[in-house]
């Protein structure tokens, strides 16, 4: 689990492609406290450190992660956002981020907006369905607030500090980004869904619906 508060940048040093994909990444900051087998979010993708050497670490990338994320187009020299896994002693300054990328959006425009930068993105409805205005979204692992959304896209405001310390400041129209929507919305949608799978139908536990919420005083 992560917060979406990026700790620093890293550089993709090497990619090995065979039956699977392995990557070597050099962090710009100290990785003290990270152990072999720990999770590190690489531009929003939760990966496991399989080798550690100072500020350099290796990861294996599964076919699922490759198919759903911009790591499919990664190349040596690329800059990536890095965040170490959340601990129970950590402050939750962003929002709950799993590091499970849902899909990819494309930068549509980048415009100055007073002391901020307005980024607009094109995204499929399968992603925007789980977005709400003023809700949270993780873009390349960065916890951000949605300004506006439609069925085909959304926008966020970036302050200069965020643009400086993360890869969002390097993005330009046409660039792809990883998107993770808010996990809370996914669970709410699942529980309130009118269509239940066979496993749910066979369950002895009643489904959550509007009638049940009203009966118990939630509406």
N, C-alpha and C. Protein backbone atom coordinates (compact mmCIF):
# COMPACT_ATOMS: atom_id res chain seq x y z
N UNK A 1 0.85 -1.20 0.00
CA UNK A 1 0.00 0.00 0.00
C UNK A 1 0.88 1.24 0.00
N UNK A 2 0.40 2.29 -0.69
CA UNK A 2 1.17 3.52 -0.81
C UNK A 2 0.26 4.72 -0.56
N UNK A 3 0.85 5.92 -0.57
CA UNK A 3 0.08 7.14 -0.33
C UNK A 3 -0.05 8.02 -1.56
N UNK A 4 0.79 7.78 -2.56
CA UNK A 4 0.79 8.65 -3.73
C UNK A 4 1.63 9.89 -3.53
N UNK A 5 2.36 9.96 -2.41
CA UNK A 5 3.30 11.06 -2.17
C UNK A 5 4.68 10.58 -2.61
N UNK A 6 5.14 11.06 -3.75
CA UNK A 6 6.38 10.57 -4.35
C UNK A 6 7.58 10.95 -3.49
N UNK A 7 8.47 9.99 -3.22
CA UNK A 7 9.64 10.25 -2.39
C UNK A 7 10.82 10.78 -3.21
N UNK A 8 10.82 10.47 -4.49
CA UNK A 8 11.91 10.93 -5.33
C UNK A 8 11.84 10.28 -6.70
N UNK A 9 12.75 10.69 -7.55
CA UNK A 9 12.81 10.14 -8.90
C UNK A 9 13.88 9.06 -8.99
N UNK A 10 13.79 8.29 -10.04
CA UNK A 10 14.79 7.28 -10.34
C UNK A 10 14.99 7.21 -11.84
N UNK A 11 16.03 6.50 -12.25
CA UNK A 11 16.34 6.34 -13.67
C UNK A 11 16.35 4.87 -14.02
N UNK A 12 15.66 4.51 -15.07
CA UNK A 12 15.65 3.14 -15.56
C UNK A 12 17.00 2.87 -16.24
N UNK A 13 17.80 2.00 -15.64
CA UNK A 13 19.15 1.75 -16.13
C UNK A 13 19.21 0.63 -17.15
N UNK A 14 18.42 -0.40 -16.95
CA UNK A 14 18.51 -1.56 -17.84
C UNK A 14 17.19 -2.31 -17.89
N UNK A 15 16.87 -2.85 -19.06
CA UNK A 15 15.69 -3.69 -19.25
C UNK A 15 16.13 -4.99 -19.91
N UNK A 16 15.74 -6.10 -19.33
CA UNK A 16 16.01 -7.41 -19.92
C UNK A 16 14.69 -8.06 -20.28
N UNK A 17 14.55 -8.42 -21.53
CA UNK A 17 13.32 -9.04 -22.00
C UNK A 17 13.62 -10.45 -22.48
N UNK A 18 12.94 -11.40 -21.89
CA UNK A 18 13.06 -12.80 -22.29
C UNK A 18 11.69 -13.41 -22.16
N UNK A 19 11.57 -14.45 -21.34
CA UNK A 19 10.26 -15.02 -21.06
C UNK A 19 9.46 -14.05 -20.19
N UNK A 20 10.17 -13.19 -19.49
CA UNK A 20 9.55 -12.14 -18.69
C UNK A 20 10.37 -10.87 -18.84
N UNK A 21 10.05 -9.87 -18.04
CA UNK A 21 10.77 -8.60 -18.11
C UNK A 21 11.36 -8.29 -16.74
N UNK A 22 12.65 -7.97 -16.71
CA UNK A 22 13.29 -7.49 -15.49
C UNK A 22 13.86 -6.11 -15.77
N UNK A 23 13.86 -5.28 -14.75
CA UNK A 23 14.37 -3.92 -14.89
C UNK A 23 15.31 -3.58 -13.75
N UNK A 24 16.27 -2.74 -14.05
CA UNK A 24 17.17 -2.21 -13.01
C UNK A 24 16.94 -0.71 -12.94
N UNK A 25 16.73 -0.22 -11.72
CA UNK A 25 16.41 1.19 -11.50
C UNK A 25 17.36 1.77 -10.47
N UNK A 26 17.85 2.96 -10.74
CA UNK A 26 18.70 3.67 -9.78
C UNK A 26 17.92 4.83 -9.21
N UNK A 27 17.73 4.81 -7.89
CA UNK A 27 17.00 5.88 -7.22
C UNK A 27 17.90 7.09 -7.00
N UNK A 28 17.31 8.27 -7.01
CA UNK A 28 18.04 9.50 -6.74
C UNK A 28 18.21 9.75 -5.25
N UNK A 29 17.62 8.88 -4.42
CA UNK A 29 17.65 9.09 -2.98
C UNK A 29 18.04 7.79 -2.26
N UNK A 30 18.32 7.91 -0.99
CA UNK A 30 18.79 6.79 -0.18
C UNK A 30 17.67 5.76 0.02
N UNK A 31 17.97 4.50 -0.21
CA UNK A 31 16.99 3.43 -0.04
C UNK A 31 17.17 2.69 1.29
N UNK A 32 17.85 3.33 2.24
CA UNK A 32 18.03 2.73 3.56
C UNK A 32 16.67 2.34 4.14
N UNK A 33 16.59 1.13 4.67
CA UNK A 33 15.34 0.64 5.23
C UNK A 33 14.59 -0.28 4.30
N UNK A 34 14.90 -0.23 3.00
CA UNK A 34 14.28 -1.13 2.04
C UNK A 34 14.99 -2.47 2.09
N UNK A 35 14.23 -3.55 2.19
CA UNK A 35 14.79 -4.89 2.25
C UNK A 35 14.43 -5.67 0.99
N UNK A 36 15.21 -6.72 0.74
CA UNK A 36 14.91 -7.60 -0.37
C UNK A 36 13.49 -8.14 -0.20
N UNK A 37 12.69 -8.04 -1.24
CA UNK A 37 11.31 -8.50 -1.18
C UNK A 37 10.31 -7.42 -0.85
N UNK A 38 10.80 -6.20 -0.51
CA UNK A 38 9.89 -5.09 -0.23
C UNK A 38 9.26 -4.56 -1.51
N UNK A 39 8.12 -3.91 -1.34
CA UNK A 39 7.43 -3.31 -2.48
C UNK A 39 7.89 -1.87 -2.68
N UNK A 40 8.05 -1.50 -3.94
CA UNK A 40 8.36 -0.13 -4.32
C UNK A 40 7.45 0.23 -5.50
N UNK A 41 6.79 1.39 -5.40
CA UNK A 41 5.94 1.84 -6.50
C UNK A 41 6.81 2.55 -7.52
N UNK A 42 6.80 2.02 -8.74
CA UNK A 42 7.58 2.60 -9.84
C UNK A 42 6.59 3.23 -10.82
N UNK A 43 6.51 4.57 -10.78
CA UNK A 43 5.51 5.31 -11.55
C UNK A 43 4.11 4.72 -11.36
N UNK A 44 3.82 4.40 -10.09
CA UNK A 44 2.50 3.92 -9.73
C UNK A 44 2.28 2.43 -9.84
N UNK A 45 3.29 1.69 -10.28
CA UNK A 45 3.18 0.24 -10.42
C UNK A 45 3.89 -0.44 -9.27
N UNK A 46 3.17 -1.19 -8.46
CA UNK A 46 3.76 -1.88 -7.31
C UNK A 46 4.63 -3.03 -7.79
N UNK A 47 5.94 -2.93 -7.51
CA UNK A 47 6.89 -3.96 -7.91
C UNK A 47 7.72 -4.39 -6.70
N UNK A 48 8.29 -5.58 -6.78
CA UNK A 48 9.05 -6.15 -5.67
C UNK A 48 10.54 -6.06 -5.95
N UNK A 49 11.29 -5.56 -4.97
CA UNK A 49 12.74 -5.47 -5.11
C UNK A 49 13.34 -6.87 -5.01
N UNK A 50 13.95 -7.34 -6.10
CA UNK A 50 14.55 -8.67 -6.13
C UNK A 50 16.06 -8.64 -5.93
N UNK A 51 16.65 -7.46 -6.03
CA UNK A 51 18.08 -7.28 -5.76
C UNK A 51 18.30 -5.84 -5.35
N UNK A 52 19.16 -5.64 -4.33
CA UNK A 52 19.47 -4.30 -3.84
C UNK A 52 20.98 -4.10 -3.82
N UNK A 53 21.40 -2.94 -4.29
CA UNK A 53 22.81 -2.58 -4.27
C UNK A 53 22.91 -1.07 -4.10
N UNK A 54 22.95 -0.62 -2.85
CA UNK A 54 22.97 0.81 -2.59
C UNK A 54 21.65 1.45 -3.00
N UNK A 55 21.72 2.39 -3.91
CA UNK A 55 20.52 3.07 -4.38
C UNK A 55 19.95 2.42 -5.65
N UNK A 56 20.50 1.28 -6.04
CA UNK A 56 20.04 0.58 -7.25
C UNK A 56 19.29 -0.68 -6.86
N UNK A 57 18.20 -0.96 -7.54
CA UNK A 57 17.44 -2.17 -7.26
C UNK A 57 16.90 -2.77 -8.55
N UNK A 58 16.65 -4.08 -8.51
CA UNK A 58 16.09 -4.80 -9.65
C UNK A 58 14.65 -5.21 -9.33
N UNK A 59 13.83 -5.33 -10.36
CA UNK A 59 12.45 -5.78 -10.20
C UNK A 59 12.09 -6.71 -11.35
N UNK A 60 11.19 -7.64 -11.07
CA UNK A 60 10.55 -8.43 -12.12
C UNK A 60 9.21 -7.79 -12.43
N UNK A 61 8.87 -7.71 -13.71
CA UNK A 61 7.60 -7.11 -14.12
C UNK A 61 6.76 -8.17 -14.81
N UNK A 62 5.59 -8.44 -14.24
CA UNK A 62 4.73 -9.50 -14.77
C UNK A 62 4.08 -9.08 -16.08
N UNK A 63 3.64 -10.05 -16.88
CA UNK A 63 2.91 -9.72 -18.12
C UNK A 63 1.68 -8.85 -17.86
N UNK A 64 1.00 -9.07 -16.72
CA UNK A 64 -0.17 -8.27 -16.37
C UNK A 64 0.21 -6.81 -16.20
N UNK A 65 1.31 -6.56 -15.47
CA UNK A 65 1.76 -5.18 -15.26
C UNK A 65 2.19 -4.53 -16.57
N UNK A 66 2.84 -5.30 -17.42
CA UNK A 66 3.27 -4.78 -18.72
C UNK A 66 2.06 -4.40 -19.57
N UNK A 67 1.04 -5.25 -19.56
CA UNK A 67 -0.11 -5.03 -20.44
C UNK A 67 -0.97 -3.85 -19.99
N UNK A 68 -0.96 -3.53 -18.70
CA UNK A 68 -1.84 -2.49 -18.18
C UNK A 68 -1.15 -1.14 -17.99
N UNK A 69 0.17 -1.09 -18.10
CA UNK A 69 0.88 0.13 -17.72
C UNK A 69 1.80 0.64 -18.83
N UNK A 70 2.34 1.83 -18.60
CA UNK A 70 3.26 2.43 -19.57
C UNK A 70 4.63 1.76 -19.53
N UNK A 71 4.84 0.82 -18.61
CA UNK A 71 6.10 0.06 -18.60
C UNK A 71 6.26 -0.73 -19.89
N UNK A 72 5.18 -0.93 -20.61
CA UNK A 72 5.24 -1.61 -21.91
C UNK A 72 6.12 -0.85 -22.90
N UNK A 73 6.22 0.48 -22.71
CA UNK A 73 7.01 1.31 -23.62
C UNK A 73 8.29 1.85 -22.96
N UNK A 74 8.61 1.33 -21.79
CA UNK A 74 9.77 1.84 -21.05
C UNK A 74 11.06 1.56 -21.79
N UNK A 75 12.04 2.46 -21.60
CA UNK A 75 13.35 2.29 -22.22
C UNK A 75 14.42 2.85 -21.28
N UNK A 76 15.65 2.35 -21.38
CA UNK A 76 16.72 2.86 -20.53
C UNK A 76 16.85 4.37 -20.63
N UNK A 77 17.04 5.00 -19.49
CA UNK A 77 17.15 6.45 -19.44
C UNK A 77 15.87 7.14 -19.01
N UNK A 78 14.75 6.42 -19.06
CA UNK A 78 13.48 7.00 -18.63
C UNK A 78 13.53 7.35 -17.15
N UNK A 79 12.90 8.47 -16.80
CA UNK A 79 12.78 8.87 -15.41
C UNK A 79 11.46 8.32 -14.86
N UNK A 80 11.50 7.84 -13.63
CA UNK A 80 10.32 7.23 -13.01
C UNK A 80 10.11 7.79 -11.61
N UNK A 81 8.85 7.83 -11.19
CA UNK A 81 8.51 8.21 -9.82
C UNK A 81 8.70 7.01 -8.91
N UNK A 82 9.21 7.25 -7.71
CA UNK A 82 9.44 6.16 -6.76
C UNK A 82 8.81 6.48 -5.41
N UNK A 83 8.18 5.47 -4.83
CA UNK A 83 7.66 5.58 -3.46
C UNK A 83 7.81 4.25 -2.76
N UNK A 84 8.41 4.27 -1.59
CA UNK A 84 8.51 3.06 -0.78
C UNK A 84 7.15 2.75 -0.16
N UNK A 85 6.97 1.48 0.20
CA UNK A 85 5.67 1.05 0.73
C UNK A 85 5.34 1.75 2.03
N UNK A 86 4.05 1.97 2.25
CA UNK A 86 3.52 2.60 3.45
C UNK A 86 3.72 1.68 4.65
N UNK A 87 4.06 2.27 5.80
CA UNK A 87 4.11 1.52 7.06
C UNK A 87 3.04 2.06 8.00
N UNK A 88 2.76 1.34 9.08
CA UNK A 88 1.73 1.80 10.02
C UNK A 88 2.16 3.06 10.75
N UNK A 89 3.45 3.37 10.72
CA UNK A 89 3.95 4.58 11.37
C UNK A 89 3.99 5.77 10.43
N UNK A 90 3.62 5.56 9.16
CA UNK A 90 3.70 6.62 8.16
C UNK A 90 2.48 7.54 8.24
N UNK A 91 2.68 8.79 7.79
CA UNK A 91 1.57 9.72 7.66
C UNK A 91 0.89 9.48 6.31
N UNK A 92 -0.43 9.50 6.30
CA UNK A 92 -1.19 9.31 5.06
C UNK A 92 -1.51 10.69 4.49
N UNK A 93 -0.52 11.28 3.80
CA UNK A 93 -0.70 12.63 3.27
C UNK A 93 -1.46 12.66 1.96
N UNK A 94 -1.45 11.57 1.20
CA UNK A 94 -2.15 11.53 -0.08
C UNK A 94 -3.48 10.81 0.06
N UNK A 95 -3.60 9.65 -0.59
CA UNK A 95 -4.77 8.80 -0.39
C UNK A 95 -4.30 7.36 -0.51
N UNK A 96 -5.16 6.41 -0.20
CA UNK A 96 -4.77 5.01 -0.25
C UNK A 96 -4.57 4.57 -1.70
N UNK A 97 -3.34 4.21 -2.02
CA UNK A 97 -2.96 3.80 -3.37
C UNK A 97 -2.42 2.38 -3.30
N UNK A 98 -2.94 1.49 -4.10
CA UNK A 98 -2.50 0.10 -4.08
C UNK A 98 -1.26 -0.16 -4.93
N UNK A 99 -1.05 0.67 -5.93
CA UNK A 99 0.02 0.37 -6.88
C UNK A 99 -0.44 -0.62 -7.93
N UNK A 100 -1.76 -0.78 -8.05
CA UNK A 100 -2.34 -1.67 -9.06
C UNK A 100 -2.92 -0.81 -10.17
N UNK A 101 -2.17 -0.64 -11.23
CA UNK A 101 -2.57 0.25 -12.32
C UNK A 101 -3.80 -0.30 -13.03
N UNK A 102 -4.82 0.57 -13.18
CA UNK A 102 -6.06 0.17 -13.84
C UNK A 102 -5.99 0.31 -15.35
N UNK A 103 -5.21 1.26 -15.82
CA UNK A 103 -5.13 1.49 -17.26
C UNK A 103 -4.30 2.71 -17.58
N UNK A 104 -4.41 3.16 -18.81
CA UNK A 104 -3.55 4.22 -19.32
C UNK A 104 -4.39 5.38 -19.84
N UNK A 105 -3.95 6.60 -19.54
CA UNK A 105 -4.55 7.82 -20.10
C UNK A 105 -3.49 8.53 -20.92
N UNK A 106 -3.92 9.48 -21.74
CA UNK A 106 -3.01 10.23 -22.60
C UNK A 106 -3.15 11.72 -22.30
N UNK A 107 -2.00 12.40 -22.20
CA UNK A 107 -2.03 13.84 -21.97
C UNK A 107 -2.64 14.52 -23.19
N UNK A 108 -3.73 15.29 -22.97
CA UNK A 108 -4.39 16.00 -24.06
C UNK A 108 -3.88 17.42 -24.20
N UNK A 109 -3.65 18.09 -23.06
CA UNK A 109 -3.16 19.47 -23.11
C UNK A 109 -2.49 19.84 -21.80
N UNK A 110 -1.61 20.81 -21.87
CA UNK A 110 -0.91 21.34 -20.70
C UNK A 110 -0.98 22.86 -20.80
N UNK A 111 -1.62 23.49 -19.81
CA UNK A 111 -1.82 24.94 -19.87
C UNK A 111 -1.48 25.59 -18.53
N UNK A 112 -0.86 26.78 -18.59
CA UNK A 112 -0.59 27.55 -17.39
C UNK A 112 -1.92 28.05 -16.82
N UNK A 113 -2.04 28.01 -15.49
CA UNK A 113 -3.26 28.45 -14.83
C UNK A 113 -2.86 29.17 -13.54
N UNK A 114 -2.55 30.49 -13.67
CA UNK A 114 -2.05 31.29 -12.54
C UNK A 114 -0.78 30.64 -12.01
N UNK A 115 -0.77 30.24 -10.73
CA UNK A 115 0.45 29.64 -10.16
C UNK A 115 0.46 28.12 -10.30
N UNK A 116 -0.44 27.60 -11.10
CA UNK A 116 -0.51 26.15 -11.29
C UNK A 116 -0.42 25.80 -12.78
N UNK A 117 -0.40 24.50 -13.06
CA UNK A 117 -0.39 24.00 -14.43
C UNK A 117 -1.58 23.06 -14.57
N UNK A 118 -2.44 23.33 -15.54
CA UNK A 118 -3.63 22.51 -15.75
C UNK A 118 -3.33 21.43 -16.79
N UNK A 119 -3.41 20.18 -16.35
CA UNK A 119 -3.21 19.03 -17.23
C UNK A 119 -4.57 18.39 -17.54
N UNK A 120 -4.86 18.23 -18.82
CA UNK A 120 -6.06 17.52 -19.23
C UNK A 120 -5.66 16.19 -19.87
N UNK A 121 -6.45 15.17 -19.60
CA UNK A 121 -6.14 13.83 -20.06
C UNK A 121 -7.32 13.22 -20.81
N UNK A 122 -7.02 12.46 -21.83
CA UNK A 122 -8.01 11.62 -22.49
C UNK A 122 -7.92 10.24 -21.86
N UNK A 123 -9.07 9.67 -21.51
CA UNK A 123 -9.08 8.37 -20.83
C UNK A 123 -10.33 7.61 -21.23
N UNK A 124 -10.26 6.29 -21.28
CA UNK A 124 -11.44 5.49 -21.62
C UNK A 124 -12.49 5.56 -20.52
N UNK A 125 -13.73 5.32 -20.87
CA UNK A 125 -14.82 5.37 -19.90
C UNK A 125 -14.65 4.33 -18.80
N UNK A 126 -13.92 3.26 -19.07
CA UNK A 126 -13.67 2.24 -18.04
C UNK A 126 -12.88 2.81 -16.88
N UNK A 127 -12.15 3.91 -17.11
CA UNK A 127 -11.41 4.60 -16.04
C UNK A 127 -12.23 5.76 -15.47
N UNK A 128 -12.79 6.60 -16.35
CA UNK A 128 -13.50 7.78 -15.87
C UNK A 128 -14.77 7.42 -15.10
N UNK A 129 -15.30 6.22 -15.33
CA UNK A 129 -16.47 5.75 -14.59
C UNK A 129 -16.23 5.80 -13.09
N UNK A 130 -15.00 5.53 -12.67
CA UNK A 130 -14.66 5.48 -11.25
C UNK A 130 -14.10 6.81 -10.73
N UNK A 131 -14.24 7.88 -11.48
CA UNK A 131 -13.74 9.18 -11.07
C UNK A 131 -14.90 10.11 -10.73
N UNK A 132 -14.68 10.97 -9.74
CA UNK A 132 -15.65 11.99 -9.38
C UNK A 132 -14.92 13.31 -9.21
N UNK A 133 -15.61 14.40 -9.49
CA UNK A 133 -15.02 15.72 -9.31
C UNK A 133 -14.61 15.91 -7.85
N UNK A 134 -13.38 16.37 -7.65
CA UNK A 134 -12.76 16.57 -6.34
C UNK A 134 -12.40 15.26 -5.65
N UNK A 135 -12.51 14.15 -6.38
CA UNK A 135 -12.06 12.88 -5.85
C UNK A 135 -10.58 12.68 -6.14
N UNK A 136 -10.05 11.55 -5.69
CA UNK A 136 -8.62 11.27 -5.84
C UNK A 136 -8.35 10.36 -7.02
N UNK A 137 -7.17 10.55 -7.61
CA UNK A 137 -6.69 9.68 -8.67
C UNK A 137 -5.17 9.63 -8.57
N UNK A 138 -4.57 8.50 -8.89
CA UNK A 138 -3.12 8.38 -8.92
C UNK A 138 -2.67 8.39 -10.38
N UNK A 139 -1.85 9.38 -10.74
CA UNK A 139 -1.30 9.49 -12.09
C UNK A 139 0.19 9.23 -12.01
N UNK A 140 0.65 8.15 -12.62
CA UNK A 140 2.04 7.72 -12.50
C UNK A 140 2.45 7.63 -11.03
N UNK A 141 1.48 7.22 -10.19
CA UNK A 141 1.75 7.05 -8.77
C UNK A 141 1.60 8.29 -7.93
N UNK A 142 1.26 9.44 -8.55
CA UNK A 142 1.13 10.71 -7.83
C UNK A 142 -0.32 10.89 -7.38
N UNK A 143 -0.54 11.11 -6.10
CA UNK A 143 -1.88 11.35 -5.59
C UNK A 143 -2.31 12.76 -5.98
N UNK A 144 -3.41 12.85 -6.75
CA UNK A 144 -3.88 14.14 -7.25
C UNK A 144 -5.40 14.24 -7.11
N UNK A 145 -5.90 15.47 -7.17
CA UNK A 145 -7.33 15.73 -7.06
C UNK A 145 -7.91 16.07 -8.43
N UNK A 146 -9.02 15.45 -8.75
CA UNK A 146 -9.66 15.66 -10.05
C UNK A 146 -10.42 16.99 -10.04
N UNK A 147 -10.10 17.85 -11.00
CA UNK A 147 -10.82 19.12 -11.14
C UNK A 147 -12.17 18.92 -11.82
N UNK A 148 -12.11 18.30 -12.99
CA UNK A 148 -13.30 18.03 -13.78
C UNK A 148 -13.16 16.67 -14.43
N UNK A 149 -14.29 16.05 -14.74
CA UNK A 149 -14.25 14.77 -15.45
C UNK A 149 -15.43 14.68 -16.39
N UNK A 150 -15.25 13.88 -17.42
CA UNK A 150 -16.32 13.55 -18.36
C UNK A 150 -16.16 12.08 -18.69
N UNK A 151 -16.98 11.57 -19.57
CA UNK A 151 -16.87 10.16 -19.95
C UNK A 151 -15.58 9.88 -20.72
N UNK A 152 -14.99 10.93 -21.30
CA UNK A 152 -13.81 10.73 -22.16
C UNK A 152 -12.52 11.31 -21.60
N UNK A 153 -12.58 11.89 -20.40
CA UNK A 153 -11.34 12.44 -19.87
C UNK A 153 -11.53 13.17 -18.55
N UNK A 154 -10.44 13.78 -18.08
CA UNK A 154 -10.48 14.50 -16.81
C UNK A 154 -9.31 15.48 -16.77
N UNK A 155 -9.31 16.36 -15.77
CA UNK A 155 -8.22 17.32 -15.63
C UNK A 155 -7.80 17.44 -14.18
N UNK A 156 -6.54 17.83 -13.96
CA UNK A 156 -5.99 18.06 -12.62
C UNK A 156 -5.12 19.31 -12.65
N UNK A 157 -4.98 19.95 -11.50
CA UNK A 157 -4.08 21.09 -11.37
C UNK A 157 -2.81 20.65 -10.66
N UNK A 158 -1.67 21.06 -11.20
CA UNK A 158 -0.37 20.69 -10.65
C UNK A 158 0.33 21.95 -10.16
N UNK A 159 0.77 21.94 -8.90
CA UNK A 159 1.53 23.07 -8.40
C UNK A 159 2.98 22.93 -8.85
N UNK A 160 3.74 24.03 -8.91
CA UNK A 160 5.14 23.97 -9.39
C UNK A 160 5.99 22.96 -8.63
N UNK A 161 5.77 22.82 -7.31
CA UNK A 161 6.57 21.87 -6.52
C UNK A 161 6.40 20.45 -7.04
N UNK A 162 5.15 20.05 -7.29
CA UNK A 162 4.88 18.70 -7.79
C UNK A 162 5.48 18.50 -9.18
N UNK A 163 5.37 19.53 -10.02
CA UNK A 163 5.95 19.44 -11.37
C UNK A 163 7.46 19.28 -11.32
N UNK A 164 8.08 19.88 -10.31
CA UNK A 164 9.54 19.85 -10.21
C UNK A 164 10.08 18.53 -9.70
N UNK A 165 9.37 17.90 -8.76
CA UNK A 165 9.92 16.72 -8.09
C UNK A 165 9.37 15.40 -8.63
N UNK A 166 8.47 15.44 -9.61
CA UNK A 166 7.92 14.21 -10.19
C UNK A 166 7.99 14.26 -11.71
N UNK A 167 7.66 13.15 -12.34
CA UNK A 167 7.71 13.08 -13.80
C UNK A 167 6.57 13.83 -14.47
N UNK A 168 5.56 14.26 -13.70
CA UNK A 168 4.44 14.97 -14.34
C UNK A 168 4.94 16.24 -15.03
N UNK A 169 6.00 16.85 -14.48
CA UNK A 169 6.55 18.06 -15.09
C UNK A 169 7.23 17.81 -16.42
N UNK A 170 7.50 16.54 -16.73
CA UNK A 170 8.14 16.17 -18.00
C UNK A 170 7.11 15.78 -19.06
N UNK A 171 5.86 15.62 -18.65
CA UNK A 171 4.84 15.13 -19.57
C UNK A 171 4.38 16.23 -20.52
N UNK A 172 4.11 15.82 -21.74
CA UNK A 172 3.62 16.75 -22.77
C UNK A 172 2.49 16.08 -23.54
N UNK A 173 1.71 16.85 -24.30
CA UNK A 173 0.60 16.25 -25.04
C UNK A 173 1.02 15.05 -25.88
N UNK A 174 0.24 13.99 -25.77
CA UNK A 174 0.54 12.75 -26.48
C UNK A 174 1.21 11.71 -25.62
N UNK A 175 1.78 12.12 -24.48
CA UNK A 175 2.44 11.17 -23.59
C UNK A 175 1.42 10.31 -22.85
N UNK A 176 1.78 9.06 -22.60
CA UNK A 176 0.92 8.16 -21.84
C UNK A 176 1.28 8.21 -20.36
N UNK A 177 0.27 7.98 -19.51
CA UNK A 177 0.49 7.93 -18.06
C UNK A 177 -0.30 6.78 -17.46
N UNK A 178 0.22 6.25 -16.35
CA UNK A 178 -0.49 5.21 -15.61
C UNK A 178 -1.60 5.83 -14.77
N UNK A 179 -2.73 5.14 -14.71
CA UNK A 179 -3.86 5.62 -13.92
C UNK A 179 -4.30 4.52 -12.95
N UNK A 180 -4.44 4.91 -11.68
CA UNK A 180 -5.10 4.05 -10.70
C UNK A 180 -6.25 4.85 -10.09
N UNK A 181 -7.46 4.38 -10.26
CA UNK A 181 -8.62 5.07 -9.70
C UNK A 181 -8.77 4.72 -8.23
N UNK A 182 -9.62 5.46 -7.54
CA UNK A 182 -9.79 5.31 -6.10
C UNK A 182 -10.40 3.95 -5.76
N UNK A 183 -9.73 3.20 -4.91
CA UNK A 183 -10.17 1.85 -4.56
C UNK A 183 -11.53 1.86 -3.88
N UNK A 184 -11.84 2.91 -3.13
CA UNK A 184 -13.12 2.97 -2.42
C UNK A 184 -14.28 2.93 -3.41
N UNK A 185 -14.16 3.69 -4.50
CA UNK A 185 -15.21 3.71 -5.51
C UNK A 185 -15.43 2.35 -6.15
N UNK A 186 -14.36 1.60 -6.33
CA UNK A 186 -14.48 0.27 -6.94
C UNK A 186 -15.30 -0.66 -6.06
N UNK A 187 -15.02 -0.63 -4.76
CA UNK A 187 -15.74 -1.51 -3.85
C UNK A 187 -17.21 -1.11 -3.72
N UNK A 188 -17.46 0.19 -3.64
CA UNK A 188 -18.84 0.67 -3.55
C UNK A 188 -19.62 0.24 -4.78
N UNK A 189 -19.02 0.41 -5.96
CA UNK A 189 -19.69 0.02 -7.21
C UNK A 189 -19.97 -1.48 -7.22
N UNK A 190 -19.02 -2.27 -6.75
CA UNK A 190 -19.19 -3.73 -6.74
C UNK A 190 -20.33 -4.14 -5.82
N UNK A 191 -20.37 -3.56 -4.62
CA UNK A 191 -21.39 -3.94 -3.65
C UNK A 191 -22.78 -3.49 -4.06
N UNK A 192 -22.85 -2.36 -4.78
CA UNK A 192 -24.15 -1.85 -5.19
C UNK A 192 -24.58 -2.31 -6.57
N UNK A 193 -23.73 -3.09 -7.23
CA UNK A 193 -24.03 -3.53 -8.58
C UNK A 193 -25.30 -4.38 -8.61
N UNK A 194 -26.14 -4.12 -9.61
CA UNK A 194 -27.38 -4.89 -9.73
C UNK A 194 -27.11 -6.29 -10.25
N UNK A 195 -25.97 -6.47 -10.91
CA UNK A 195 -25.63 -7.78 -11.47
C UNK A 195 -24.66 -8.48 -10.55
N UNK A 196 -25.04 -9.60 -10.02
CA UNK A 196 -24.20 -10.32 -9.09
C UNK A 196 -23.75 -11.63 -9.73
N UNK A 197 -22.51 -12.00 -9.49
CA UNK A 197 -21.97 -13.23 -10.05
C UNK A 197 -22.55 -14.45 -9.38
N UNK A 198 -22.27 -15.61 -9.94
CA UNK A 198 -22.81 -16.85 -9.40
C UNK A 198 -22.34 -17.07 -7.98
N UNK A 199 -21.09 -16.71 -7.68
CA UNK A 199 -20.58 -16.91 -6.32
C UNK A 199 -21.39 -16.07 -5.33
N UNK A 200 -21.76 -14.84 -5.75
CA UNK A 200 -22.55 -13.98 -4.88
C UNK A 200 -23.96 -14.54 -4.70
N UNK A 201 -24.54 -15.08 -5.77
CA UNK A 201 -25.90 -15.61 -5.71
C UNK A 201 -25.98 -16.79 -4.75
N UNK A 202 -24.89 -17.56 -4.67
CA UNK A 202 -24.88 -18.73 -3.81
C UNK A 202 -24.50 -18.38 -2.37
N UNK A 203 -24.11 -17.12 -2.14
CA UNK A 203 -23.69 -16.71 -0.80
C UNK A 203 -24.91 -16.54 0.10
N UNK A 204 -24.72 -16.82 1.40
CA UNK A 204 -25.79 -16.62 2.37
C UNK A 204 -25.85 -15.17 2.85
N UNK A 205 -24.82 -14.38 2.50
CA UNK A 205 -24.79 -12.99 2.92
C UNK A 205 -25.58 -12.13 1.93
N UNK A 206 -26.54 -11.34 2.41
CA UNK A 206 -27.32 -10.51 1.49
C UNK A 206 -26.47 -9.43 0.84
N UNK A 207 -26.79 -9.09 -0.39
CA UNK A 207 -26.06 -8.03 -1.08
C UNK A 207 -26.44 -6.67 -0.55
N UNK A 208 -25.56 -5.71 -0.73
CA UNK A 208 -25.85 -4.33 -0.32
C UNK A 208 -26.54 -3.64 -1.48
N UNK A 209 -27.67 -3.03 -1.22
CA UNK A 209 -28.39 -2.28 -2.23
C UNK A 209 -29.04 -1.07 -1.59
N UNK A 210 -29.70 -0.24 -2.40
CA UNK A 210 -30.27 0.99 -1.88
C UNK A 210 -31.38 0.70 -0.84
N UNK A 211 -32.13 -0.37 -1.07
CA UNK A 211 -33.20 -0.72 -0.14
C UNK A 211 -32.63 -1.11 1.23
N UNK A 212 -31.55 -1.89 1.20
CA UNK A 212 -30.92 -2.31 2.45
C UNK A 212 -30.36 -1.12 3.21
N UNK A 213 -29.74 -0.17 2.49
CA UNK A 213 -29.18 1.03 3.11
C UNK A 213 -30.29 1.87 3.74
N UNK A 214 -31.42 2.00 3.02
CA UNK A 214 -32.54 2.78 3.55
C UNK A 214 -33.15 2.12 4.78
N UNK A 215 -33.28 0.80 4.74
CA UNK A 215 -33.88 0.04 5.85
C UNK A 215 -33.07 0.22 7.12
N UNK A 216 -31.75 0.36 6.98
CA UNK A 216 -30.89 0.46 8.16
C UNK A 216 -30.50 1.89 8.49
N UNK A 217 -31.22 2.83 7.89
CA UNK A 217 -31.05 4.22 8.31
C UNK A 217 -29.90 4.98 7.67
N UNK A 218 -29.31 4.43 6.62
CA UNK A 218 -28.19 5.13 5.98
C UNK A 218 -28.64 6.13 4.93
N UNK A 219 -29.91 6.06 4.54
CA UNK A 219 -30.44 6.99 3.55
C UNK A 219 -31.65 7.73 4.12
